[in-house]
Amino acid sequence: MAAAGLALTVAAAAAKHDPLLLIGLGVLSCGIGEWINRPMQQTLVQRGIGGLNGIVTGHPWKAKPLGIILDLLGIGLIAFGIFRIVIA
């Protein structure tokens, strides 16, 4: 999501389209916030006695203050960008 936000931001800046730039920055902010809130975690899976059968990898949501702030900032920027497009 952060990569899409970055691409959208760069394209909007090149086109000098301010509302789309706000939306792109909002998507970028949400993407970074979710990246912070979803750290990669690995767990060893063992079956039976003494056997390692695999590693399970996941990205469970663990709320962190900075991640939540970036998510809220992103939502606000997206909403304001849409508002600017609608009233234009």
Protein backbone atom coordinates (compact mmCIF):
# COMPACT_ATOMS: atom_id res chain seq x y z
CA MET A 1 0.00 0.00 0.00
CA ALA A 2 2.88 2.35 0.74
CA ALA A 3 4.35 1.74 -2.73
CA ALA A 4 1.02 2.61 -4.36
CA GLY A 5 0.81 5.77 -2.27
CA LEU A 6 4.33 6.76 -3.28
CA ALA A 7 3.59 6.16 -6.97
CA LEU A 8 0.34 8.15 -6.74
CA THR A 9 2.10 11.00 -4.93
CA VAL A 10 4.86 11.23 -7.52
CA ALA A 11 2.38 11.15 -10.41
CA ALA A 12 0.18 13.81 -8.80
CA ALA A 13 3.18 16.04 -8.08
CA ALA A 14 4.31 15.76 -11.70
CA ALA A 15 0.80 16.66 -12.89
CA LYS A 16 0.47 19.46 -10.30
CA HIS A 17 -2.87 18.03 -9.10
CA ASP A 18 -3.15 19.03 -5.43
CA PRO A 19 -6.18 16.93 -4.35
CA LEU A 20 -4.66 13.79 -5.86
CA LEU A 21 -1.37 14.63 -4.13
CA LEU A 22 -3.23 14.71 -0.80
CA ILE A 23 -4.82 11.34 -1.53
CA GLY A 24 -1.45 9.88 -2.50
CA LEU A 25 0.15 11.15 0.71
CA GLY A 26 -2.77 9.70 2.66
CA VAL A 27 -2.36 6.27 1.08
CA LEU A 28 1.39 6.44 1.72
CA SER A 29 0.78 7.37 5.37
CA CYS A 30 -1.73 4.53 5.85
CA GLY A 31 0.67 2.10 4.22
CA ILE A 32 3.53 3.04 6.52
CA GLY A 33 1.20 2.97 9.54
CA GLU A 34 0.03 -0.55 8.70
CA TRP A 35 3.61 -1.66 8.08
CA ILE A 36 4.45 -0.48 11.62
CA ASN A 37 1.32 -2.14 13.09
CA ARG A 38 1.93 -5.50 11.36
CA PRO A 39 5.46 -6.71 12.15
CA MET A 40 6.51 -10.07 10.73
CA GLN A 41 6.43 -12.85 13.33
CA GLN A 42 7.62 -16.43 13.03
CA THR A 43 6.70 -19.45 15.13
CA LEU A 44 8.33 -22.86 15.18
CA VAL A 45 5.89 -25.73 14.72
CA GLN A 46 6.89 -29.03 16.33
CA ARG A 47 5.09 -32.33 16.15
CA GLY A 48 6.00 -35.29 18.25
CA ILE A 49 9.16 -35.61 20.28
CA GLY A 50 12.22 -33.73 19.08
CA GLY A 51 10.99 -32.95 15.60
CA LEU A 52 10.89 -29.54 13.95
CA ASN A 53 8.29 -29.68 11.23
CA GLY A 54 8.20 -26.11 10.04
CA ILE A 55 8.11 -22.38 10.58
CA VAL A 56 4.85 -20.42 10.39
CA THR A 57 5.23 -16.80 9.31
CA GLY A 58 2.51 -14.20 9.77
CA HIS A 59 1.78 -10.52 10.16
CA PRO A 60 -0.71 -10.20 13.05
CA TRP A 61 -1.96 -6.71 13.91
CA LYS A 62 -0.20 -5.26 16.98
CA ALA A 63 -1.25 -1.68 17.58
CA LYS A 64 1.55 0.82 18.14
CA PRO A 65 0.95 4.54 18.81
CA LEU A 66 2.97 5.76 15.79
CA GLY A 67 1.21 3.29 13.49
CA ILE A 68 -2.23 4.42 14.66
CA ILE A 69 -1.28 8.11 14.30
CA LEU A 70 -0.07 7.51 10.72
CA ASP A 71 -3.26 5.57 9.90
CA LEU A 72 -5.46 8.40 11.21
CA LEU A 73 -3.37 11.02 9.41
CA GLY A 74 -3.69 9.02 6.21
CA ILE A 75 -7.45 8.67 6.54
CA GLY A 76 -7.73 12.42 7.13
CA LEU A 77 -5.59 13.27 4.10
CA ILE A 78 -7.57 10.89 1.87
CA ALA A 79 -10.87 12.35 3.08
CA PHE A 80 -9.66 15.94 2.58
CA GLY A 81 -8.35 15.11 -0.91
CA ILE A 82 -11.70 13.58 -1.90
CA PHE A 83 -13.49 16.61 -0.43
CA ARG A 84 -11.30 18.94 -2.53
CA ILE A 85 -12.15 16.95 -5.68
CA VAL A 86 -15.88 16.99 -4.92
CA ILE A 87 -16.10 20.76 -4.27
CA ALA A 88 -13.94 21.66 -7.30
